[in-house]
Amino acid sequence: MSEPLDQKDSAALLNALCRVVREEGQALLELADVMGESFAESVRWMADCPGRVLVSGLGKSGIVARKIAATLTGTGTPALFVHPVEALHGDLGIATRDDLLVVVSRSGGNEELLALVASLSAHGVRSMAITAEANSELARRADLLLHTPMNREACPLDLSPTTSTTLAVAVGDALAMCLLELRGFRREDFAVLHPSGALGRGLRMTVAELMHTGDELPTVRSGVRLREAAVEITGKRLGCTCVLAGDGRLVGFVSDGDFRRALLEHPAPLDLPVEEFMSTSPVTVDADCLARAALRLMETNQPGPITQLVVTDAERPVGILHIHDILRVGIRS
């Protein structure tokens, strides 16, 4: 029996981590050097496929196949995972001759996968194999081979699929990204396919959905004292207030930073007019601006980052957007 895990020292555990990562990383580098025309041809086949890409595998390779299918579907290539055993027991009816089969297998010798390739081939469906064994039966039966050669698994027993699954995932990712570029897949397309996740929200959510408006909008009239502006800043809890002309136009902006500087630089600033401390050119955005773009505007502002934006319509403030509102919903620039 080997030494129990909880009795191993940290150095031994870190050495194991480094060994696994380095072995798999080296295998990935070698894969990049040997992938050639067969990879380019596989991308062309998938791009020209008028139907769907059917991805199949068993065991750990089946998990990889599910991931490949999900990545393809999420980046504009219709794909579907097909369980080989269930397919052979009635699910083959989902396939058409317009589809393309991609089979993932380390050994390339699984009988169910071989039967699936043969059955779909009889219906005119072309197949591609992702396998570590170039001389396997699967490699011979498939119409196109994507060979993922490796010396050994990262498993110390050279048994558990580790390096082989890493290579297969990498090939699947590369196929999906090449297809994404070929199809001109844009951020807007990604947002359509991922409307509910943080990524989709970041690409679709607008300032109007996050801004503070109505009674939450901090405003004071031009000519008031700094003391009144401080009350508004504190009461609305957004760290700022807009300064309005008599007709409601935005003429200035006071942040809590402006207020602190006033306290430090003037002996008695609270009774002075707000005009002496306000910014006369606040950074503004429209309500239909994307929240992600607004965040970028805050972060890249010159001479330094800011935490609030005034949302305007025809020179009149309609809302305040705080950086915390954007970060709270998981949007990043």
Protein backbone atom coordinates (compact mmCIF):
# COMPACT_ATOMS: atom_id res chain seq x y z
CA MET A 1 0.00 0.00 0.00
CA SER A 2 1.20 3.53 -0.75
CA GLU A 3 1.50 6.17 1.92
CA PRO A 4 -1.91 7.69 2.88
CA LEU A 5 -2.56 11.01 1.17
CA ASP A 6 -3.00 12.95 4.41
CA GLN A 7 0.47 11.86 5.55
CA LYS A 8 2.28 13.08 2.46
CA ASP A 9 4.05 16.39 2.86
CA SER A 10 3.16 19.44 0.79
CA ALA A 11 6.30 19.18 -1.32
CA ALA A 12 5.36 15.70 -2.51
CA LEU A 13 1.85 16.82 -3.42
CA LEU A 14 3.15 19.85 -5.31
CA ASN A 15 5.63 17.65 -7.15
CA ALA A 16 2.74 15.43 -8.24
CA LEU A 17 0.85 18.50 -9.46
CA CYS A 18 3.86 19.70 -11.46
CA ARG A 19 4.42 16.28 -12.98
CA VAL A 20 0.82 15.95 -14.20
CA VAL A 21 0.62 19.49 -15.56
CA ARG A 22 4.00 19.26 -17.28
CA GLU A 23 3.29 15.88 -18.83
CA GLU A 24 -0.07 16.99 -20.19
CA GLY A 25 1.34 20.35 -21.27
CA GLN A 26 4.19 18.69 -23.16
CA ALA A 27 1.72 16.38 -24.89
CA LEU A 28 -0.31 19.42 -25.98
CA LEU A 29 2.79 21.10 -27.43
CA GLU A 30 3.68 17.96 -29.35
CA LEU A 31 0.09 17.68 -30.61
CA ALA A 32 0.28 21.20 -32.05
CA ASP A 33 3.36 20.17 -34.02
CA VAL A 34 1.86 17.04 -35.58
CA MET A 35 -1.66 18.23 -36.43
CA GLY A 36 -1.69 18.86 -40.15
CA GLU A 37 -3.91 18.61 -43.20
CA SER A 38 -6.32 16.19 -41.53
CA PHE A 39 -7.24 18.89 -39.03
CA ALA A 40 -7.76 21.48 -41.76
CA GLU A 41 -9.90 18.98 -43.69
CA SER A 42 -11.98 18.24 -40.59
CA VAL A 43 -12.73 21.95 -40.16
CA ARG A 44 -13.83 22.15 -43.80
CA TRP A 45 -16.07 19.11 -43.38
CA MET A 46 -17.74 20.60 -40.33
CA ALA A 47 -18.12 24.03 -41.94
CA ASP A 48 -19.73 22.46 -45.01
CA CYS A 49 -21.99 20.11 -43.04
CA PRO A 50 -25.62 20.98 -43.95
CA GLY A 51 -26.96 19.09 -40.93
CA ARG A 52 -25.70 18.68 -37.38
CA VAL A 53 -22.46 17.44 -35.91
CA LEU A 54 -23.16 14.28 -33.91
CA VAL A 55 -20.50 13.68 -31.25
CA SER A 56 -20.18 10.32 -29.50
CA GLY A 57 -17.99 8.50 -27.00
CA LEU A 58 -18.12 6.15 -24.02
CA GLY A 59 -16.83 6.57 -20.47
CA LYS A 60 -14.38 9.43 -20.02
CA SER A 61 -14.35 9.91 -23.79
CA GLY A 62 -18.12 10.28 -23.62
CA ILE A 63 -17.72 13.15 -21.17
CA VAL A 64 -15.25 14.77 -23.56
CA ALA A 65 -17.71 14.23 -26.42
CA ARG A 66 -20.45 16.00 -24.45
CA LYS A 67 -18.11 18.92 -23.86
CA ILE A 68 -17.16 19.15 -27.54
CA ALA A 69 -20.82 19.09 -28.57
CA ALA A 70 -21.66 21.82 -26.04
CA THR A 71 -18.78 24.04 -27.17
CA LEU A 72 -19.71 23.65 -30.83
CA THR A 73 -23.37 24.43 -30.16
CA GLY A 74 -22.51 27.45 -28.01
CA THR A 75 -20.33 28.95 -30.74
CA GLY A 76 -22.64 28.62 -33.72
CA THR A 77 -22.19 25.04 -34.95
CA PRO A 78 -25.31 22.91 -34.29
CA ALA A 79 -24.12 19.78 -32.49
CA LEU A 80 -25.61 16.97 -30.45
CA PHE A 81 -24.15 14.33 -28.14
CA VAL A 82 -25.21 10.81 -29.11
CA HIS A 83 -24.73 7.96 -26.65
CA PRO A 84 -23.47 5.02 -28.71
CA VAL A 85 -25.34 2.33 -26.78
CA GLU A 86 -28.65 4.17 -26.83
CA ALA A 87 -28.13 5.01 -30.50
CA LEU A 88 -27.82 1.30 -31.30
CA HIS A 89 -31.08 0.65 -29.46
CA GLY A 90 -33.34 3.00 -31.36
CA ASP A 91 -31.86 6.51 -31.25
CA LEU A 92 -30.27 6.26 -34.69
CA GLY A 93 -33.46 7.79 -36.06
CA ILE A 94 -32.20 11.25 -35.11
CA ALA A 95 -29.44 11.06 -37.73
CA THR A 96 -29.76 12.10 -41.36
CA ARG A 97 -27.35 11.80 -44.26
CA ASP A 98 -26.75 15.56 -43.92
CA ASP A 99 -25.13 15.04 -40.50
CA LEU A 100 -21.49 14.42 -39.62
CA LEU A 101 -20.37 11.97 -36.92
CA VAL A 102 -17.40 12.72 -34.64
CA VAL A 103 -16.30 9.81 -32.44
CA VAL A 104 -13.96 10.25 -29.46
CA SER A 105 -12.07 7.18 -28.21
CA ARG A 106 -8.65 6.72 -26.64
CA SER A 107 -8.16 3.14 -27.80
CA GLY A 108 -10.34 3.19 -30.90
CA GLY A 109 -11.46 -0.37 -30.21
CA ASN A 110 -14.81 -0.05 -28.48
CA GLU A 111 -17.36 -2.33 -30.13
CA GLU A 112 -20.36 -0.01 -29.59
CA LEU A 113 -18.55 2.91 -31.22
CA LEU A 114 -17.43 0.75 -34.14
CA ALA A 115 -21.00 -0.44 -34.62
CA LEU A 116 -22.25 3.16 -34.50
CA VAL A 117 -19.79 4.22 -37.21
CA ALA A 118 -20.80 1.25 -39.37
CA SER A 119 -24.52 1.84 -38.90
CA LEU A 120 -24.41 5.54 -39.72
CA SER A 121 -22.03 4.94 -42.62
CA ALA A 122 -24.66 2.64 -44.12
CA HIS A 123 -27.04 5.61 -44.01
CA GLY A 124 -24.54 7.85 -45.82
CA VAL A 125 -23.22 9.69 -42.73
CA ARG A 126 -19.51 10.51 -42.87
CA SER A 127 -17.42 10.05 -39.73
CA MET A 128 -14.36 11.55 -38.06
CA ALA A 129 -12.38 9.83 -35.31
CA ILE A 130 -10.44 11.53 -32.51
CA THR A 131 -8.21 8.81 -31.08
CA ALA A 132 -4.75 8.23 -29.62
CA GLU A 133 -4.34 4.99 -31.60
CA ALA A 134 -3.63 5.61 -35.28
CA ASN A 135 -3.67 1.88 -36.08
CA SER A 136 -6.94 1.13 -34.29
CA GLU A 137 -10.04 -0.34 -35.89
CA LEU A 138 -11.84 2.98 -35.39
CA ALA A 139 -9.08 4.84 -37.21
CA ARG A 140 -9.43 2.46 -40.14
CA ARG A 141 -13.23 2.64 -40.31
CA ALA A 142 -13.64 6.40 -39.93
CA ASP A 143 -13.59 8.54 -43.05
CA LEU A 144 -11.18 11.03 -41.46
CA LEU A 145 -8.69 10.56 -38.63
CA LEU A 146 -7.64 13.17 -36.09
CA HIS A 147 -4.73 11.42 -34.39
CA THR A 148 -3.84 12.59 -30.87
CA PRO A 149 -0.57 10.75 -30.20
CA MET A 150 0.85 10.47 -26.69
CA ASN A 151 3.59 8.56 -24.90
CA ARG A 152 1.61 7.74 -21.76
CA GLU A 153 -1.19 8.89 -19.52
CA ALA A 154 -0.38 11.32 -16.70
CA CYS A 155 -1.79 8.70 -14.33
CA PRO A 156 1.17 7.12 -12.44
CA LEU A 157 -0.28 3.71 -13.34
CA ASP A 158 -0.65 4.77 -16.99
CA LEU A 159 -4.27 3.66 -16.80
CA SER A 160 -6.73 6.46 -16.01
CA PRO A 161 -7.55 8.63 -19.05
CA THR A 162 -5.79 11.92 -18.30
CA THR A 163 -3.41 13.04 -21.03
CA SER A 164 -5.60 11.40 -23.68
CA THR A 165 -8.73 13.28 -22.59
CA THR A 166 -6.81 16.56 -22.35
CA LEU A 167 -5.67 16.14 -25.95
CA ALA A 168 -9.17 15.28 -27.16
CA VAL A 169 -10.65 18.32 -25.41
CA ALA A 170 -7.98 20.54 -26.97
CA VAL A 171 -8.76 19.22 -30.47
CA GLY A 172 -12.47 19.82 -29.89
CA ASP A 173 -11.81 23.35 -28.70
CA ALA A 174 -9.60 24.04 -31.71
CA LEU A 175 -12.28 22.77 -34.09
CA ALA A 176 -14.92 24.99 -32.47
CA MET A 177 -12.72 28.09 -32.50
CA CYS A 178 -11.72 27.61 -36.14
CA LEU A 179 -15.38 27.26 -37.09
CA LEU A 180 -16.24 30.33 -35.02
CA GLU A 181 -13.74 32.38 -37.03
CA LEU A 182 -14.79 30.90 -40.37
CA ARG A 183 -18.43 31.77 -39.72
CA GLY A 184 -17.67 35.29 -38.53
CA PHE A 185 -19.33 34.49 -35.19
CA ARG A 186 -19.60 37.78 -33.23
CA ARG A 187 -20.14 38.81 -29.63
CA GLU A 188 -23.71 39.63 -30.53
CA ASP A 189 -24.23 36.08 -31.81
CA PHE A 190 -22.76 34.69 -28.60
CA ALA A 191 -25.18 36.80 -26.56
CA VAL A 192 -28.16 35.40 -28.50
CA LEU A 193 -27.11 31.85 -27.60
CA HIS A 194 -26.28 32.67 -23.95
CA PRO A 195 -29.01 35.11 -22.85
CA SER A 196 -29.25 34.05 -19.20
CA GLY A 197 -25.65 33.56 -18.13
CA ALA A 198 -23.19 36.16 -16.89
CA LEU A 199 -21.50 36.18 -20.30
CA GLY A 200 -24.79 36.83 -22.08
CA ARG A 201 -25.81 39.52 -19.61
CA GLY A 202 -22.48 41.23 -20.07
CA LEU A 203 -23.00 41.36 -23.81
CA ARG A 204 -26.66 42.38 -23.86
CA MET A 205 -27.49 44.31 -20.68
CA THR A 206 -27.86 48.07 -21.10
CA VAL A 207 -27.33 50.99 -18.76
CA ALA A 208 -31.11 51.49 -18.57
CA GLU A 209 -31.47 48.11 -16.84
CA LEU A 210 -29.06 49.04 -14.04
CA MET A 211 -29.23 52.79 -13.50
CA HIS A 212 -30.77 54.55 -10.50
CA THR A 213 -33.59 56.84 -11.54
CA GLY A 214 -36.69 58.58 -10.16
CA ASP A 215 -36.48 59.22 -6.43
CA GLU A 216 -33.08 57.50 -6.31
CA LEU A 217 -31.52 60.09 -8.62
CA PRO A 218 -29.48 62.61 -6.57
CA THR A 219 -29.91 66.20 -7.79
CA VAL A 220 -29.50 69.75 -6.46
CA ARG A 221 -30.17 73.09 -8.09
CA SER A 222 -27.42 75.41 -9.21
CA GLY A 223 -26.67 78.06 -6.60
CA VAL A 224 -27.18 75.90 -3.51
CA ARG A 225 -24.49 75.63 -0.86
CA LEU A 226 -22.13 72.69 -0.66
CA ARG A 227 -23.86 71.74 2.59
CA GLU A 228 -27.09 70.94 0.70
CA ALA A 229 -25.17 68.96 -1.89
CA ALA A 230 -23.56 66.94 0.94
CA VAL A 231 -27.01 66.12 2.33
CA GLU A 232 -28.14 64.86 -1.11
CA ILE A 233 -24.94 62.83 -1.61
CA THR A 234 -25.35 61.20 1.80
CA GLY A 235 -29.09 60.63 1.53
CA LYS A 236 -29.12 59.00 -1.92
CA ARG A 237 -26.06 56.87 -1.08
CA LEU A 238 -24.58 56.88 -4.56
CA GLY A 239 -21.55 58.99 -3.70
CA CYS A 240 -22.51 61.87 -5.97
CA THR A 241 -25.11 64.39 -7.02
CA CYS A 242 -26.02 66.11 -10.27
CA VAL A 243 -26.24 69.91 -10.36
CA LEU A 244 -29.13 71.21 -12.47
CA ALA A 245 -29.91 74.54 -14.08
CA GLY A 246 -33.35 76.08 -13.59
CA ASP A 247 -34.67 74.33 -16.72
CA GLY A 248 -33.41 70.91 -15.56
CA ARG A 249 -30.32 70.74 -17.74
CA LEU A 250 -27.19 69.13 -16.31
CA VAL A 251 -24.62 71.83 -15.56
CA GLY A 252 -22.38 70.10 -13.02
CA PHE A 253 -21.55 67.06 -10.96
CA VAL A 254 -20.23 66.66 -7.42
CA SER A 255 -18.74 63.37 -6.25
CA ASP A 256 -17.89 62.36 -2.72
CA GLY A 257 -14.25 62.78 -3.78
CA ASP A 258 -14.95 66.41 -4.69
CA PHE A 259 -16.58 66.88 -1.29
CA ARG A 260 -13.62 65.42 0.60
CA ARG A 261 -11.17 67.60 -1.31
CA ALA A 262 -13.27 70.65 -0.45
CA LEU A 263 -13.04 69.81 3.23
CA LEU A 264 -9.28 69.42 3.01
CA GLU A 265 -8.56 72.51 0.90
CA HIS A 266 -10.96 75.10 2.39
CA PRO A 267 -11.32 76.14 6.02
CA ALA A 268 -15.15 76.50 5.81
CA PRO A 269 -16.46 75.11 2.50
CA LEU A 270 -19.99 74.05 3.50
CA ASP A 271 -21.50 77.51 3.08
CA LEU A 272 -19.83 78.19 -0.27
CA PRO A 273 -21.82 77.75 -3.52
CA VAL A 274 -21.66 74.30 -5.07
CA GLU A 275 -20.36 75.82 -8.32
CA GLU A 276 -16.95 76.31 -6.70
CA PHE A 277 -16.45 72.55 -6.32
CA MET A 278 -18.47 70.84 -9.03
CA SER A 279 -17.18 69.40 -12.27
CA THR A 280 -18.66 71.24 -15.23
CA SER A 281 -17.98 68.41 -17.69
CA PRO A 282 -19.16 65.16 -16.07
CA VAL A 283 -18.84 61.92 -18.00
CA THR A 284 -22.23 60.95 -19.43
CA VAL A 285 -23.77 58.04 -21.32
CA ASP A 286 -27.08 57.27 -23.00
CA ALA A 287 -29.50 54.83 -21.41
CA ASP A 288 -29.20 52.39 -24.32
CA CYS A 289 -25.40 52.14 -23.94
CA LEU A 290 -24.25 48.60 -23.16
CA ALA A 291 -23.34 48.14 -19.50
CA ARG A 292 -20.08 46.50 -20.52
CA ALA A 293 -19.12 49.55 -22.57
CA ALA A 294 -20.06 51.82 -19.66
CA LEU A 295 -17.77 49.85 -17.35
CA ARG A 296 -14.92 50.20 -19.82
CA LEU A 297 -15.59 53.95 -19.97
CA MET A 298 -15.31 54.18 -16.18
CA GLU A 299 -12.12 52.15 -16.02
CA THR A 300 -10.32 54.00 -18.85
CA ASN A 301 -11.41 57.52 -17.95
CA GLN A 302 -8.67 60.14 -17.95
CA PRO A 303 -7.02 61.37 -15.83
CA GLY A 304 -8.21 58.44 -13.72
CA PRO A 305 -10.95 55.81 -13.25
CA ILE A 306 -14.35 56.92 -11.99
CA THR A 307 -17.14 55.07 -10.20
CA GLN A 308 -20.28 56.87 -11.47
CA LEU A 309 -21.71 57.91 -14.80
CA VAL A 310 -24.55 60.35 -15.39
CA VAL A 311 -27.18 58.97 -17.77
CA THR A 312 -28.61 61.79 -19.87
CA ASP A 313 -31.34 62.42 -22.39
CA ALA A 314 -31.34 65.77 -24.25
CA GLU A 315 -28.84 67.22 -21.74
CA ARG A 316 -31.04 66.27 -18.79
CA PRO A 317 -30.03 63.59 -16.26
CA VAL A 318 -32.33 60.59 -16.17
CA GLY A 319 -30.22 58.27 -14.03
CA ILE A 320 -26.97 57.49 -12.27
CA LEU A 321 -24.99 54.33 -12.98
CA HIS A 322 -22.60 53.18 -10.24
CA ILE A 323 -19.76 50.76 -10.95
CA HIS A 324 -21.04 48.49 -8.17
CA ASP A 325 -24.31 48.06 -10.08
CA ILE A 326 -22.38 46.59 -13.00
CA LEU A 327 -20.04 44.39 -10.99
CA ARG A 328 -22.92 43.08 -8.86
CA VAL A 329 -24.48 41.32 -11.87
CA GLY A 330 -21.19 39.73 -12.88
CA ILE A 331 -20.30 41.96 -15.82
CA ARG A 332 -16.59 42.50 -16.45
CA SER A 333 -14.91 44.59 -19.11
